[in-house]
Amino acid sequence: MKLTFTLLTLLMLSYCYAQDKNCSYFRTGTFSYADKDMPYRIVRDEGIQVETNTDTGDELHTSVEWKSDCEYILTYIKIKYPKRDMNYLLGTKIFVKILETNGNRMKIHVKSNVLDNEYEFIKVDNTFTE
């Protein structure tokens, strides 16, 4: 009886602390990195994402392919970096998984052949303009 009560209590506590991810809220909109040292604005609709360095104006354009509600693949399709040639990235895929959401913040894991990091983003707007 004591074991059953303990198991039920642990199950209820884990359920209370389980966080539901609201990934669909982050499918589109305007985002910024939570890290203030990353001066980028990310604007995404269902199929295109544009990441702009707000200091230099450099841009990375990617297609967005949603694999599930919380996972998507970015593929570089256009790069505007006037001071250096970044076209070698064209066609490169970045696999993204939303790990956590909390209000207007999301934590993601990104992985590619040259990248394996976690980042936190803040959603600042719901509109898309390219």
N, C-alpha and C. Protein backbone atom coordinates (compact mmCIF):
# COMPACT_ATOMS: atom_id res chain seq x y z
N MET A 1 0.82 -1.19 0.00
CA MET A 1 0.00 0.00 0.00
C MET A 1 0.87 1.26 0.00
N LYS A 2 1.91 1.25 0.81
CA LYS A 2 2.80 2.39 0.89
C LYS A 2 3.50 2.64 -0.45
N LEU A 3 3.90 1.54 -1.12
CA LEU A 3 4.55 1.65 -2.42
C LEU A 3 3.60 2.24 -3.45
N THR A 4 2.35 1.82 -3.45
CA THR A 4 1.36 2.33 -4.38
C THR A 4 1.15 3.83 -4.17
N PHE A 5 1.04 4.24 -2.92
CA PHE A 5 0.85 5.66 -2.60
C PHE A 5 2.05 6.48 -3.07
N THR A 6 3.24 5.97 -2.84
CA THR A 6 4.46 6.66 -3.26
C THR A 6 4.51 6.79 -4.79
N LEU A 7 4.20 5.71 -5.48
CA LEU A 7 4.20 5.75 -6.94
C LEU A 7 3.16 6.72 -7.48
N LEU A 8 1.97 6.72 -6.90
CA LEU A 8 0.92 7.65 -7.32
C LEU A 8 1.33 9.09 -7.06
N THR A 9 1.94 9.35 -5.94
CA THR A 9 2.39 10.70 -5.61
C THR A 9 3.45 11.18 -6.59
N LEU A 10 4.42 10.32 -6.89
CA LEU A 10 5.46 10.68 -7.84
C LEU A 10 4.88 10.92 -9.23
N LEU A 11 3.93 10.11 -9.63
CA LEU A 11 3.29 10.28 -10.92
C LEU A 11 2.54 11.61 -10.99
N MET A 12 1.82 11.95 -9.94
CA MET A 12 1.08 13.21 -9.91
C MET A 12 2.03 14.40 -9.92
N LEU A 13 3.11 14.32 -9.18
CA LEU A 13 4.07 15.42 -9.16
C LEU A 13 4.73 15.60 -10.52
N SER A 14 5.08 14.52 -11.16
CA SER A 14 5.71 14.66 -12.47
C SER A 14 4.72 15.23 -13.48
N TYR A 15 3.46 14.88 -13.37
CA TYR A 15 2.44 15.42 -14.25
C TYR A 15 2.25 16.92 -14.01
N CYS A 16 2.28 17.34 -12.76
CA CYS A 16 2.11 18.76 -12.42
C CYS A 16 3.26 19.59 -12.95
N TYR A 17 4.46 19.03 -12.98
CA TYR A 17 5.63 19.79 -13.42
C TYR A 17 5.94 19.61 -14.90
N ALA A 18 5.21 18.73 -15.57
CA ALA A 18 5.44 18.55 -17.00
C ALA A 18 4.99 19.81 -17.73
N GLN A 19 5.85 20.29 -18.62
CA GLN A 19 5.57 21.52 -19.34
C GLN A 19 5.07 21.18 -20.73
N ASP A 20 3.91 21.69 -21.07
CA ASP A 20 3.41 21.51 -22.42
C ASP A 20 4.09 22.53 -23.32
N LYS A 21 4.57 22.07 -24.45
CA LYS A 21 5.19 22.97 -25.41
C LYS A 21 4.11 23.49 -26.34
N ASN A 22 4.13 24.79 -26.57
CA ASN A 22 3.21 25.41 -27.52
C ASN A 22 3.99 25.74 -28.78
N CYS A 23 4.43 24.71 -29.48
CA CYS A 23 5.29 24.90 -30.66
C CYS A 23 4.59 25.65 -31.78
N SER A 24 3.30 25.43 -31.96
CA SER A 24 2.59 26.05 -33.08
C SER A 24 2.62 27.58 -32.99
N TYR A 25 2.71 28.13 -31.79
CA TYR A 25 2.81 29.58 -31.61
C TYR A 25 4.07 30.14 -32.25
N PHE A 26 5.10 29.32 -32.40
CA PHE A 26 6.39 29.77 -32.91
C PHE A 26 6.62 29.42 -34.39
N ARG A 27 5.61 28.94 -35.07
CA ARG A 27 5.76 28.59 -36.49
C ARG A 27 6.02 29.82 -37.35
N THR A 28 5.39 30.93 -37.03
CA THR A 28 5.56 32.16 -37.81
C THR A 28 5.78 33.33 -36.87
N GLY A 29 6.32 34.42 -37.43
CA GLY A 29 6.49 35.63 -36.64
C GLY A 29 7.89 36.19 -36.75
N THR A 30 8.17 37.16 -35.89
CA THR A 30 9.47 37.82 -35.83
C THR A 30 10.10 37.48 -34.49
N PHE A 31 11.38 37.12 -34.53
CA PHE A 31 12.09 36.64 -33.34
C PHE A 31 13.43 37.36 -33.20
N SER A 32 13.95 37.35 -31.98
CA SER A 32 15.31 37.80 -31.73
C SER A 32 15.97 36.77 -30.82
N TYR A 33 17.29 36.73 -30.85
CA TYR A 33 18.01 35.87 -29.93
C TYR A 33 17.87 36.44 -28.52
N ALA A 34 17.74 35.59 -27.53
CA ALA A 34 17.70 36.05 -26.14
C ALA A 34 19.07 36.60 -25.73
N ASP A 35 20.14 36.07 -26.33
CA ASP A 35 21.49 36.54 -26.07
C ASP A 35 21.68 37.89 -26.74
N LYS A 36 21.88 38.94 -25.97
CA LYS A 36 22.01 40.30 -26.49
C LYS A 36 23.24 40.49 -27.38
N ASP A 37 24.21 39.56 -27.31
CA ASP A 37 25.39 39.65 -28.16
C ASP A 37 25.14 39.10 -29.56
N MET A 38 23.91 38.66 -29.83
CA MET A 38 23.54 38.13 -31.14
C MET A 38 22.56 39.11 -31.78
N PRO A 39 23.06 40.09 -32.55
CA PRO A 39 22.19 41.15 -33.08
C PRO A 39 21.44 40.74 -34.35
N TYR A 40 20.58 39.75 -34.22
CA TYR A 40 19.86 39.25 -35.38
C TYR A 40 18.35 39.35 -35.18
N ARG A 41 17.68 39.58 -36.29
CA ARG A 41 16.21 39.53 -36.33
C ARG A 41 15.86 38.38 -37.26
N ILE A 42 14.99 37.50 -36.81
CA ILE A 42 14.55 36.36 -37.60
C ILE A 42 13.07 36.56 -37.91
N VAL A 43 12.74 36.51 -39.20
CA VAL A 43 11.35 36.67 -39.62
C VAL A 43 10.97 35.39 -40.37
N ARG A 44 9.89 34.73 -39.93
CA ARG A 44 9.53 33.43 -40.51
C ARG A 44 8.05 33.36 -40.81
N ASP A 45 7.72 32.83 -42.01
CA ASP A 45 6.35 32.44 -42.30
C ASP A 45 6.36 30.91 -42.41
N GLU A 46 5.32 30.31 -42.92
CA GLU A 46 5.25 28.85 -42.97
C GLU A 46 6.35 28.24 -43.84
N GLY A 47 6.86 28.96 -44.84
CA GLY A 47 7.80 28.34 -45.76
C GLY A 47 9.16 29.00 -45.91
N ILE A 48 9.32 30.24 -45.43
CA ILE A 48 10.58 30.98 -45.59
C ILE A 48 10.98 31.62 -44.27
N GLN A 49 12.29 31.61 -44.01
CA GLN A 49 12.83 32.31 -42.85
C GLN A 49 13.97 33.20 -43.33
N VAL A 50 13.99 34.45 -42.85
CA VAL A 50 15.05 35.38 -43.18
C VAL A 50 15.68 35.83 -41.86
N GLU A 51 16.99 35.60 -41.74
CA GLU A 51 17.74 36.00 -40.55
C GLU A 51 18.64 37.16 -40.95
N THR A 52 18.43 38.32 -40.32
CA THR A 52 19.16 39.53 -40.67
C THR A 52 20.01 39.99 -39.49
N ASN A 53 21.29 40.26 -39.76
CA ASN A 53 22.15 40.86 -38.75
C ASN A 53 21.79 42.34 -38.71
N THR A 54 21.26 42.81 -37.59
CA THR A 54 20.78 44.19 -37.49
C THR A 54 21.92 45.21 -37.46
N ASP A 55 23.14 44.77 -37.22
CA ASP A 55 24.30 45.67 -37.26
C ASP A 55 24.85 45.84 -38.67
N THR A 56 24.92 44.75 -39.44
CA THR A 56 25.56 44.79 -40.75
C THR A 56 24.60 44.72 -41.93
N GLY A 57 23.38 44.22 -41.69
CA GLY A 57 22.43 44.04 -42.78
C GLY A 57 22.60 42.72 -43.52
N ASP A 58 23.58 41.92 -43.15
CA ASP A 58 23.78 40.61 -43.79
C ASP A 58 22.53 39.75 -43.57
N GLU A 59 22.20 38.94 -44.60
CA GLU A 59 20.97 38.14 -44.53
C GLU A 59 21.23 36.69 -44.92
N LEU A 60 20.55 35.79 -44.23
CA LEU A 60 20.50 34.38 -44.56
C LEU A 60 19.04 34.02 -44.82
N HIS A 61 18.74 33.52 -46.02
CA HIS A 61 17.38 33.11 -46.37
C HIS A 61 17.34 31.59 -46.40
N THR A 62 16.37 31.02 -45.71
CA THR A 62 16.22 29.57 -45.69
C THR A 62 14.78 29.18 -45.97
N SER A 63 14.62 28.01 -46.58
CA SER A 63 13.28 27.44 -46.68
C SER A 63 13.01 26.73 -45.37
N VAL A 64 11.74 26.62 -45.01
CA VAL A 64 11.34 25.97 -43.76
C VAL A 64 10.46 24.78 -44.11
N GLU A 65 10.85 23.61 -43.66
CA GLU A 65 10.05 22.40 -43.87
C GLU A 65 9.72 21.81 -42.49
N TRP A 66 8.45 21.88 -42.11
CA TRP A 66 8.02 21.36 -40.82
C TRP A 66 7.88 19.85 -40.89
N LYS A 67 8.57 19.14 -40.01
CA LYS A 67 8.51 17.69 -39.93
C LYS A 67 7.47 17.24 -38.92
N SER A 68 7.27 18.03 -37.88
CA SER A 68 6.25 17.78 -36.86
C SER A 68 5.94 19.13 -36.23
N ASP A 69 5.09 19.15 -35.25
CA ASP A 69 4.72 20.42 -34.62
C ASP A 69 5.92 21.12 -33.99
N CYS A 70 6.91 20.35 -33.54
CA CYS A 70 8.06 20.94 -32.84
C CYS A 70 9.40 20.69 -33.52
N GLU A 71 9.40 20.22 -34.77
CA GLU A 71 10.65 19.97 -35.48
C GLU A 71 10.53 20.45 -36.92
N TYR A 72 11.60 21.10 -37.38
CA TYR A 72 11.62 21.57 -38.75
C TYR A 72 13.05 21.57 -39.29
N ILE A 73 13.13 21.68 -40.61
CA ILE A 73 14.43 21.70 -41.29
C ILE A 73 14.54 23.02 -42.05
N LEU A 74 15.65 23.72 -41.82
CA LEU A 74 15.98 24.93 -42.56
C LEU A 74 17.00 24.57 -43.63
N THR A 75 16.80 25.07 -44.86
CA THR A 75 17.75 24.84 -45.95
C THR A 75 18.13 26.20 -46.53
N TYR A 76 19.43 26.50 -46.56
CA TYR A 76 19.89 27.79 -47.10
C TYR A 76 19.55 27.88 -48.58
N ILE A 77 18.85 28.96 -48.97
CA ILE A 77 18.46 29.15 -50.37
C ILE A 77 19.00 30.46 -50.96
N LYS A 78 19.37 31.41 -50.11
CA LYS A 78 19.89 32.69 -50.59
C LYS A 78 20.70 33.32 -49.46
N ILE A 79 21.86 33.87 -49.82
CA ILE A 79 22.73 34.47 -48.81
C ILE A 79 23.20 35.83 -49.31
N LYS A 80 23.01 36.85 -48.47
CA LYS A 80 23.46 38.21 -48.79
C LYS A 80 24.49 38.63 -47.75
N TYR A 81 25.75 38.33 -48.05
CA TYR A 81 26.89 38.72 -47.22
C TYR A 81 27.87 39.44 -48.13
N PRO A 82 27.73 40.75 -48.31
CA PRO A 82 28.58 41.47 -49.27
C PRO A 82 30.08 41.38 -49.00
N LYS A 83 30.48 41.27 -47.74
CA LYS A 83 31.91 41.32 -47.41
C LYS A 83 32.61 39.97 -47.48
N ARG A 84 31.85 38.87 -47.61
CA ARG A 84 32.50 37.56 -47.76
C ARG A 84 31.56 36.59 -48.47
N ASP A 85 32.15 35.66 -49.16
CA ASP A 85 31.38 34.69 -49.94
C ASP A 85 30.92 33.56 -49.01
N MET A 86 29.62 33.47 -48.83
CA MET A 86 29.03 32.43 -47.99
C MET A 86 28.20 31.45 -48.83
N ASN A 87 28.30 31.54 -50.14
CA ASN A 87 27.47 30.71 -51.01
C ASN A 87 27.74 29.22 -50.86
N TYR A 88 28.87 28.85 -50.27
CA TYR A 88 29.14 27.44 -50.04
C TYR A 88 28.09 26.82 -49.12
N LEU A 89 27.35 27.66 -48.37
CA LEU A 89 26.30 27.15 -47.49
C LEU A 89 25.01 26.81 -48.22
N LEU A 90 24.84 27.30 -49.44
CA LEU A 90 23.60 27.05 -50.17
C LEU A 90 23.31 25.55 -50.24
N GLY A 91 22.09 25.18 -49.90
CA GLY A 91 21.68 23.79 -49.88
C GLY A 91 21.92 23.08 -48.56
N THR A 92 22.70 23.69 -47.68
CA THR A 92 22.97 23.09 -46.37
C THR A 92 21.69 23.05 -45.55
N LYS A 93 21.46 21.93 -44.89
CA LYS A 93 20.28 21.75 -44.06
C LYS A 93 20.63 21.89 -42.59
N ILE A 94 19.75 22.53 -41.84
CA ILE A 94 19.88 22.66 -40.40
C ILE A 94 18.64 22.03 -39.78
N PHE A 95 18.84 21.06 -38.92
CA PHE A 95 17.74 20.37 -38.27
C PHE A 95 17.46 21.06 -36.93
N VAL A 96 16.21 21.47 -36.73
CA VAL A 96 15.85 22.26 -35.55
C VAL A 96 14.77 21.52 -34.77
N LYS A 97 14.96 21.46 -33.46
CA LYS A 97 13.97 20.87 -32.57
C LYS A 97 13.66 21.87 -31.46
N ILE A 98 12.40 22.19 -31.28
CA ILE A 98 11.99 23.07 -30.19
C ILE A 98 11.98 22.23 -28.92
N LEU A 99 12.81 22.61 -27.96
CA LEU A 99 12.95 21.86 -26.72
C LEU A 99 11.98 22.32 -25.65
N GLU A 100 11.82 23.64 -25.53
CA GLU A 100 10.96 24.22 -24.49
C GLU A 100 10.30 25.47 -25.03
N THR A 101 9.12 25.76 -24.52
CA THR A 101 8.49 27.05 -24.77
C THR A 101 8.00 27.59 -23.44
N ASN A 102 8.05 28.91 -23.31
CA ASN A 102 7.60 29.56 -22.09
C ASN A 102 7.16 30.97 -22.46
N GLY A 103 5.85 31.18 -22.59
CA GLY A 103 5.35 32.48 -23.00
C GLY A 103 5.81 32.80 -24.40
N ASN A 104 6.55 33.90 -24.57
CA ASN A 104 7.04 34.29 -25.89
C ASN A 104 8.49 33.83 -26.12
N ARG A 105 8.97 32.89 -25.31
CA ARG A 105 10.35 32.38 -25.45
C ARG A 105 10.33 30.91 -25.85
N MET A 106 11.31 30.56 -26.67
CA MET A 106 11.49 29.15 -27.01
C MET A 106 12.97 28.82 -26.99
N LYS A 107 13.25 27.62 -26.55
CA LYS A 107 14.62 27.11 -26.54
C LYS A 107 14.68 26.01 -27.60
N ILE A 108 15.69 26.09 -28.47
CA ILE A 108 15.80 25.13 -29.56
C ILE A 108 17.16 24.47 -29.57
N HIS A 109 17.22 23.32 -30.21
CA HIS A 109 18.48 22.66 -30.50
C HIS A 109 18.62 22.64 -32.01
N VAL A 110 19.76 23.11 -32.52
CA VAL A 110 20.04 23.12 -33.95
C VAL A 110 21.23 22.21 -34.23
N LYS A 111 21.12 21.47 -35.35
CA LYS A 111 22.20 20.55 -35.70
C LYS A 111 22.35 20.52 -37.21
N SER A 112 23.60 20.59 -37.65
CA SER A 112 23.93 20.44 -39.07
C SER A 112 25.31 19.81 -39.13
N ASN A 113 25.89 19.77 -40.32
CA ASN A 113 27.23 19.19 -40.44
C ASN A 113 28.30 20.09 -39.82
N VAL A 114 27.98 21.35 -39.50
CA VAL A 114 28.95 22.27 -38.88
C VAL A 114 28.46 22.89 -37.57
N LEU A 115 27.27 22.52 -37.13
CA LEU A 115 26.65 23.19 -36.00
C LEU A 115 25.93 22.19 -35.10
N ASP A 116 26.06 22.35 -33.80
CA ASP A 116 25.34 21.52 -32.83
C ASP A 116 25.23 22.33 -31.54
N ASN A 117 24.20 23.19 -31.46
CA ASN A 117 24.06 24.12 -30.34
C ASN A 117 22.61 24.26 -29.90
N GLU A 118 22.45 24.87 -28.73
CA GLU A 118 21.14 25.26 -28.25
C GLU A 118 21.09 26.78 -28.19
N TYR A 119 19.93 27.34 -28.54
CA TYR A 119 19.70 28.78 -28.52
C TYR A 119 18.35 29.06 -27.91
N GLU A 120 18.21 30.27 -27.40
CA GLU A 120 16.91 30.72 -26.91
C GLU A 120 16.49 31.94 -27.73
N PHE A 121 15.23 31.94 -28.17
CA PHE A 121 14.68 33.03 -28.96
C PHE A 121 13.50 33.66 -28.25
N ILE A 122 13.28 34.92 -28.56
CA ILE A 122 12.12 35.65 -28.04
C ILE A 122 11.26 36.03 -29.24
N LYS A 123 9.99 35.68 -29.18
CA LYS A 123 9.07 36.08 -30.24
C LYS A 123 8.64 37.51 -29.96
N VAL A 124 8.89 38.40 -30.94
CA VAL A 124 8.60 39.81 -30.72
C VAL A 124 7.41 40.31 -31.53
N ASP A 125 6.97 39.51 -32.53
CA ASP A 125 5.85 39.94 -33.38
C ASP A 125 5.29 38.74 -34.12
N ASN A 126 4.06 38.86 -34.58
CA ASN A 126 3.39 37.79 -35.30
C ASN A 126 3.37 37.99 -36.81
N THR A 127 3.96 39.04 -37.33
CA THR A 127 3.85 39.34 -38.74
C THR A 127 5.07 38.88 -39.50
N PHE A 128 4.90 38.66 -40.80
CA PHE A 128 6.01 38.28 -41.68
C PHE A 128 6.10 39.29 -42.80
N THR A 129 7.29 39.87 -42.97
CA THR A 129 7.55 40.74 -44.11
C THR A 129 8.95 40.43 -44.60
N GLU A 130 9.11 40.29 -45.89
CA GLU A 130 10.44 39.97 -46.42
C GLU A 130 10.99 41.18 -47.12
